[in-house]
Amino acid sequence: MAGRFIISEDEQGGFRFALVANNGQTLAVGGGYPTKVACVNGIETVRRNAPEAVIDDRTKTATLGDQGL
């Protein structure tokens, strides 16, 4: 999944990003950054941490059974 990060400016002048898959589906959003530099830093944090991220399931049914998790 290559996807792309899209940076946008909100109505209050802050910056947000969206991670969008190749099919156009939004996978993740981050926002409320006061500057574009801070927003890019947020993207870099996601890039660094996502490959090692684990699923922390805090739902009542902590497994998905037939869904493979």
C-alpha atoms as a PDB file:
ATOM      1  CA  MET A   1       0.000   0.000   0.000  1.00  0.00           C
ATOM      2  CA  ALA A   2       1.682   3.167  -1.135  1.00  0.00           C
ATOM      3  CA  GLY A   3      -1.127   5.646  -0.613  1.00  0.00           C
ATOM      4  CA  ARG A   4      -0.413   9.284   0.066  1.00  0.00           C
ATOM      5  CA  PHE A   5      -0.578  11.876   2.792  1.00  0.00           C
ATOM      6  CA  ILE A   6      -2.706  14.929   1.965  1.00  0.00           C
ATOM      7  CA  ILE A   7      -2.091  18.136   3.920  1.00  0.00           C
ATOM      8  CA  SER A   8      -4.873  20.704   4.131  1.00  0.00           C
ATOM      9  CA  GLU A   9      -5.505  23.934   5.978  1.00  0.00           C
ATOM     10  CA  ASP A  10      -8.614  24.174   8.157  1.00  0.00           C
ATOM     11  CA  GLU A  11     -10.922  27.168   8.664  1.00  0.00           C
ATOM     12  CA  GLN A  12      -9.006  28.282  11.760  1.00  0.00           C
ATOM     13  CA  GLY A  13      -5.684  28.373   9.909  1.00  0.00           C
ATOM     14  CA  GLY A  14      -4.422  25.101  11.391  1.00  0.00           C
ATOM     15  CA  PHE A  15      -3.123  22.158   9.402  1.00  0.00           C
ATOM     16  CA  ARG A  16      -4.397  18.598   9.078  1.00  0.00           C
ATOM     17  CA  PHE A  17      -3.324  15.505   7.209  1.00  0.00           C
ATOM     18  CA  ALA A  18      -5.111  12.490   5.837  1.00  0.00           C
ATOM     19  CA  LEU A  19      -3.551   9.183   4.844  1.00  0.00           C
ATOM     20  CA  VAL A  20      -5.435   8.129   1.722  1.00  0.00           C
ATOM     21  CA  ALA A  21      -5.189   4.713   0.047  1.00  0.00           C
ATOM     22  CA  ASN A  22      -4.734   4.342  -3.698  1.00  0.00           C
ATOM     23  CA  ASN A  23      -8.469   3.619  -4.018  1.00  0.00           C
ATOM     24  CA  GLY A  24      -9.318   6.982  -2.418  1.00  0.00           C
ATOM     25  CA  GLN A  25     -10.345   5.613   0.985  1.00  0.00           C
ATOM     26  CA  THR A  26      -9.230   7.719   3.953  1.00  0.00           C
ATOM     27  CA  LEU A  27      -7.291   5.445   6.294  1.00  0.00           C
ATOM     28  CA  ALA A  28      -6.224   7.877   9.008  1.00  0.00           C
ATOM     29  CA  VAL A  29      -6.421  11.562   9.851  1.00  0.00           C
ATOM     30  CA  GLY A  30      -4.391  13.823  12.071  1.00  0.00           C
ATOM     31  CA  GLY A  31      -4.984  17.428  12.789  1.00  0.00           C
ATOM     32  CA  GLY A  32      -4.988  20.507  14.852  1.00  0.00           C
ATOM     33  CA  TYR A  33      -1.384  21.355  14.038  1.00  0.00           C
ATOM     34  CA  PRO A  34      -0.558  25.064  14.358  1.00  0.00           C
ATOM     35  CA  THR A  35       1.991  25.073  11.516  1.00  0.00           C
ATOM     36  CA  LYS A  36       2.636  23.106   8.345  1.00  0.00           C
ATOM     37  CA  VAL A  37       6.019  22.059   9.753  1.00  0.00           C
ATOM     38  CA  ALA A  38       4.283  20.564  12.804  1.00  0.00           C
ATOM     39  CA  CYS A  39       1.856  18.750  10.496  1.00  0.00           C
ATOM     40  CA  VAL A  40       4.704  17.275   8.446  1.00  0.00           C
ATOM     41  CA  ASN A  41       6.369  16.202  11.698  1.00  0.00           C
ATOM     42  CA  GLY A  42       3.118  14.416  12.608  1.00  0.00           C
ATOM     43  CA  ILE A  43       3.194  12.607   9.271  1.00  0.00           C
ATOM     44  CA  GLU A  44       6.797  11.569   9.864  1.00  0.00           C
ATOM     45  CA  THR A  45       5.823  10.222  13.287  1.00  0.00           C
ATOM     46  CA  VAL A  46       3.119   8.061  11.699  1.00  0.00           C
ATOM     47  CA  ARG A  47       5.568   6.839   9.053  1.00  0.00           C
ATOM     48  CA  ARG A  48       8.124   5.907  11.700  1.00  0.00           C
ATOM     49  CA  ASN A  49       5.745   4.152  14.081  1.00  0.00           C
ATOM     50  CA  ALA A  50       3.161   2.470  11.850  1.00  0.00           C
ATOM     51  CA  PRO A  51       5.365  -0.394  10.570  1.00  0.00           C
ATOM     52  CA  GLU A  52       5.865  -1.560  14.157  1.00  0.00           C
ATOM     53  CA  ALA A  53       2.396  -0.724  15.476  1.00  0.00           C
ATOM     54  CA  VAL A  54       0.384  -3.491  17.095  1.00  0.00           C
ATOM     55  CA  ILE A  55      -3.386  -3.750  17.325  1.00  0.00           C
ATOM     56  CA  ASP A  56      -4.478  -2.766  20.843  1.00  0.00           C
ATOM     57  CA  ASP A  57      -8.031  -4.131  20.931  1.00  0.00           C
ATOM     58  CA  ARG A  58      -9.953  -2.587  23.830  1.00  0.00           C
ATOM     59  CA  THR A  59     -13.385  -3.739  22.770  1.00  0.00           C
ATOM     60  CA  LYS A  60     -15.555  -6.073  24.837  1.00  0.00           C
ATOM     61  CA  THR A  61     -14.893  -8.898  22.391  1.00  0.00           C
ATOM     62  CA  ALA A  62     -11.113  -8.682  22.233  1.00  0.00           C
ATOM     63  CA  THR A  63     -10.813 -10.956  19.199  1.00  0.00           C
ATOM     64  CA  LEU A  64     -12.346 -10.877  15.764  1.00  0.00           C
ATOM     65  CA  GLY A  65     -12.542 -14.660  15.448  1.00  0.00           C
ATOM     66  CA  ASP A  66     -13.269 -15.457  11.825  1.00  0.00           C
ATOM     67  CA  GLN A  67     -11.765 -12.147  10.696  1.00  0.00           C
ATOM     68  CA  GLY A  68      -8.275 -13.430  11.398  1.00  0.00           C
ATOM     69  CA  LEU A  69      -7.220 -11.269  14.342  1.00  0.00           C
END
